[in-house]
N, C-alpha and C. Protein backbone atom coordinates (compact mmCIF):
# COMPACT_ATOMS: atom_id res chain seq x y z
N MET A 1 25.21 -125.55 -47.15
CA MET A 1 26.48 -125.94 -47.52
C MET A 1 26.49 -126.86 -48.68
N ALA A 2 25.47 -127.78 -48.57
CA ALA A 2 25.44 -129.04 -49.62
C ALA A 2 25.16 -128.36 -50.98
N GLU A 3 24.33 -127.40 -50.98
CA GLU A 3 24.04 -126.72 -52.22
C GLU A 3 25.26 -126.04 -52.81
N LEU A 4 26.13 -125.48 -51.87
CA LEU A 4 27.37 -124.87 -52.45
C LEU A 4 28.27 -125.90 -53.13
N PHE A 5 28.34 -127.04 -52.35
CA PHE A 5 29.30 -128.04 -52.92
C PHE A 5 28.77 -128.51 -54.38
N GLN A 6 27.42 -128.62 -54.52
CA GLN A 6 26.88 -129.02 -55.73
C GLN A 6 27.07 -128.05 -56.87
N LYS A 7 26.99 -126.65 -56.56
CA LYS A 7 27.36 -125.66 -57.49
C LYS A 7 28.77 -125.56 -57.82
N ASP A 8 29.54 -125.64 -56.74
CA ASP A 8 31.05 -125.46 -57.11
C ASP A 8 31.78 -126.63 -56.61
N THR A 9 31.76 -127.79 -57.32
CA THR A 9 32.45 -128.92 -56.87
C THR A 9 33.96 -128.88 -56.61
N ALA A 10 34.68 -128.02 -57.40
CA ALA A 10 36.08 -127.70 -57.25
C ALA A 10 36.27 -127.23 -55.76
N TYR A 11 35.50 -126.36 -55.27
CA TYR A 11 35.63 -125.72 -53.97
C TYR A 11 35.34 -126.83 -53.00
N GLY A 12 34.37 -127.62 -53.27
CA GLY A 12 34.04 -128.72 -52.30
C GLY A 12 35.16 -129.70 -52.22
N VAL A 13 35.83 -130.08 -53.23
CA VAL A 13 36.93 -131.01 -53.32
C VAL A 13 38.04 -130.40 -52.41
N GLU A 14 38.36 -129.09 -52.67
CA GLU A 14 39.39 -128.40 -52.03
C GLU A 14 39.27 -128.39 -50.52
N LEU A 15 37.99 -127.96 -50.31
CA LEU A 15 37.60 -127.83 -48.71
C LEU A 15 37.69 -129.16 -48.09
N LEU A 16 37.09 -130.19 -48.68
CA LEU A 16 37.38 -131.63 -48.06
C LEU A 16 38.66 -132.05 -47.90
N ASN A 17 39.53 -131.80 -48.90
CA ASN A 17 40.97 -132.21 -48.76
C ASN A 17 41.63 -131.36 -47.62
N SER A 18 41.24 -130.23 -47.57
CA SER A 18 41.91 -129.40 -46.36
C SER A 18 41.42 -129.91 -45.05
N ILE A 19 40.05 -130.17 -44.96
CA ILE A 19 39.60 -130.53 -43.62
C ILE A 19 40.13 -131.97 -43.25
N LEU A 20 40.29 -132.84 -44.22
CA LEU A 20 40.77 -134.10 -43.97
C LEU A 20 42.32 -134.15 -43.54
N GLU A 21 42.94 -133.20 -44.08
CA GLU A 21 44.43 -133.01 -43.84
C GLU A 21 44.54 -132.40 -42.30
N ASP A 22 43.80 -131.20 -42.24
CA ASP A 22 44.23 -130.30 -41.03
C ASP A 22 42.92 -130.32 -40.08
N GLY A 23 41.75 -130.71 -40.43
CA GLY A 23 40.77 -130.52 -39.56
C GLY A 23 40.63 -131.34 -38.29
N GLU A 24 39.81 -130.97 -37.35
CA GLU A 24 39.43 -131.83 -36.22
C GLU A 24 38.38 -132.70 -36.66
N GLU A 25 38.20 -133.78 -35.68
CA GLU A 25 37.18 -134.80 -36.01
C GLU A 25 35.79 -134.14 -36.25
N SER A 26 35.56 -133.16 -35.54
CA SER A 26 34.11 -132.59 -35.51
C SER A 26 33.99 -131.96 -36.82
N GLU A 27 35.01 -131.25 -37.41
CA GLU A 27 34.96 -130.65 -38.68
C GLU A 27 34.76 -131.72 -39.86
N ARG A 28 35.45 -132.80 -39.71
CA ARG A 28 35.34 -133.95 -40.73
C ARG A 28 34.14 -134.44 -40.80
N LEU A 29 33.39 -134.77 -39.57
CA LEU A 29 32.11 -135.20 -39.54
C LEU A 29 30.94 -134.35 -40.17
N ILE A 30 31.23 -133.11 -40.08
CA ILE A 30 30.26 -132.07 -40.53
C ILE A 30 30.33 -132.06 -42.09
N VAL A 31 31.62 -131.90 -42.57
CA VAL A 31 31.79 -131.78 -43.92
C VAL A 31 31.41 -133.06 -44.65
N LEU A 32 31.66 -134.29 -44.11
CA LEU A 32 31.22 -135.52 -44.72
C LEU A 32 29.78 -135.60 -44.75
N ARG A 33 29.14 -135.20 -43.72
CA ARG A 33 27.73 -135.11 -43.54
C ARG A 33 26.97 -134.23 -44.76
N GLN A 34 27.68 -133.08 -44.88
CA GLN A 34 27.23 -132.27 -46.02
C GLN A 34 27.34 -132.82 -47.43
N MET A 35 28.48 -133.50 -47.55
CA MET A 35 28.88 -134.07 -48.79
C MET A 35 27.80 -135.17 -49.08
N ALA A 36 27.40 -135.90 -48.08
CA ALA A 36 26.52 -137.00 -48.31
C ALA A 36 25.09 -136.40 -48.53
N ARG A 37 24.89 -135.32 -48.04
CA ARG A 37 23.59 -134.70 -48.39
C ARG A 37 23.60 -134.10 -49.78
N MET A 38 24.66 -133.62 -50.19
CA MET A 38 24.82 -133.16 -51.59
C MET A 38 24.67 -134.29 -52.48
N LEU A 39 25.29 -135.41 -52.28
CA LEU A 39 25.15 -136.51 -53.25
C LEU A 39 23.63 -137.10 -53.30
N SER A 40 23.02 -137.01 -52.18
CA SER A 40 21.62 -137.34 -52.01
C SER A 40 20.72 -136.45 -52.87
N LEU A 41 20.89 -135.15 -52.77
CA LEU A 41 20.28 -134.22 -53.59
C LEU A 41 20.47 -134.30 -55.10
N PHE A 42 21.72 -134.74 -55.40
CA PHE A 42 22.13 -134.97 -56.77
C PHE A 42 21.36 -136.26 -57.33
N SER A 43 21.45 -137.31 -56.44
CA SER A 43 20.84 -138.53 -56.97
C SER A 43 19.26 -138.38 -57.02
N ARG A 44 18.62 -137.56 -56.16
CA ARG A 44 17.26 -137.31 -56.26
C ARG A 44 16.81 -136.58 -57.48
N LYS A 45 17.58 -135.51 -57.95
CA LYS A 45 17.33 -134.71 -59.03
C LYS A 45 17.60 -135.63 -60.35
N ALA A 46 18.57 -136.59 -60.28
CA ALA A 46 18.78 -137.50 -61.40
C ALA A 46 17.63 -138.37 -61.56
N ARG A 47 17.04 -138.87 -60.42
CA ARG A 47 15.83 -139.84 -60.64
C ARG A 47 14.79 -139.02 -61.13
N ILE A 48 14.45 -137.78 -60.70
CA ILE A 48 13.32 -136.98 -61.17
C ILE A 48 13.43 -136.81 -62.72
N SER A 49 14.81 -136.38 -63.05
CA SER A 49 15.00 -136.07 -64.44
C SER A 49 14.73 -137.38 -65.27
N TRP A 50 15.03 -138.54 -64.84
CA TRP A 50 14.86 -139.72 -65.52
C TRP A 50 13.47 -140.16 -65.73
N ILE A 51 12.59 -139.85 -64.54
CA ILE A 51 11.20 -140.10 -64.62
C ILE A 51 10.45 -139.06 -65.52
N ASP A 52 10.91 -137.79 -65.68
CA ASP A 52 10.30 -136.99 -66.56
C ASP A 52 10.54 -137.42 -67.96
N GLU A 53 11.70 -137.85 -68.24
CA GLU A 53 12.13 -138.31 -69.61
C GLU A 53 11.22 -139.49 -70.20
N SER A 54 10.77 -140.22 -69.22
CA SER A 54 10.21 -141.51 -69.57
C SER A 54 8.68 -141.20 -69.98
């Protein structure tokens, strides 16, 4: 799911907003954990890219 959020950020935002509005606590925790994983993947890729450029 984290990879999907990274590829289609608009979908990720829409899903997150929907779950925050109407979802149950367990759904909110799952989607927030996946968003955090996506941000971690993005951060790791950015660092690798920066290192490669140096």
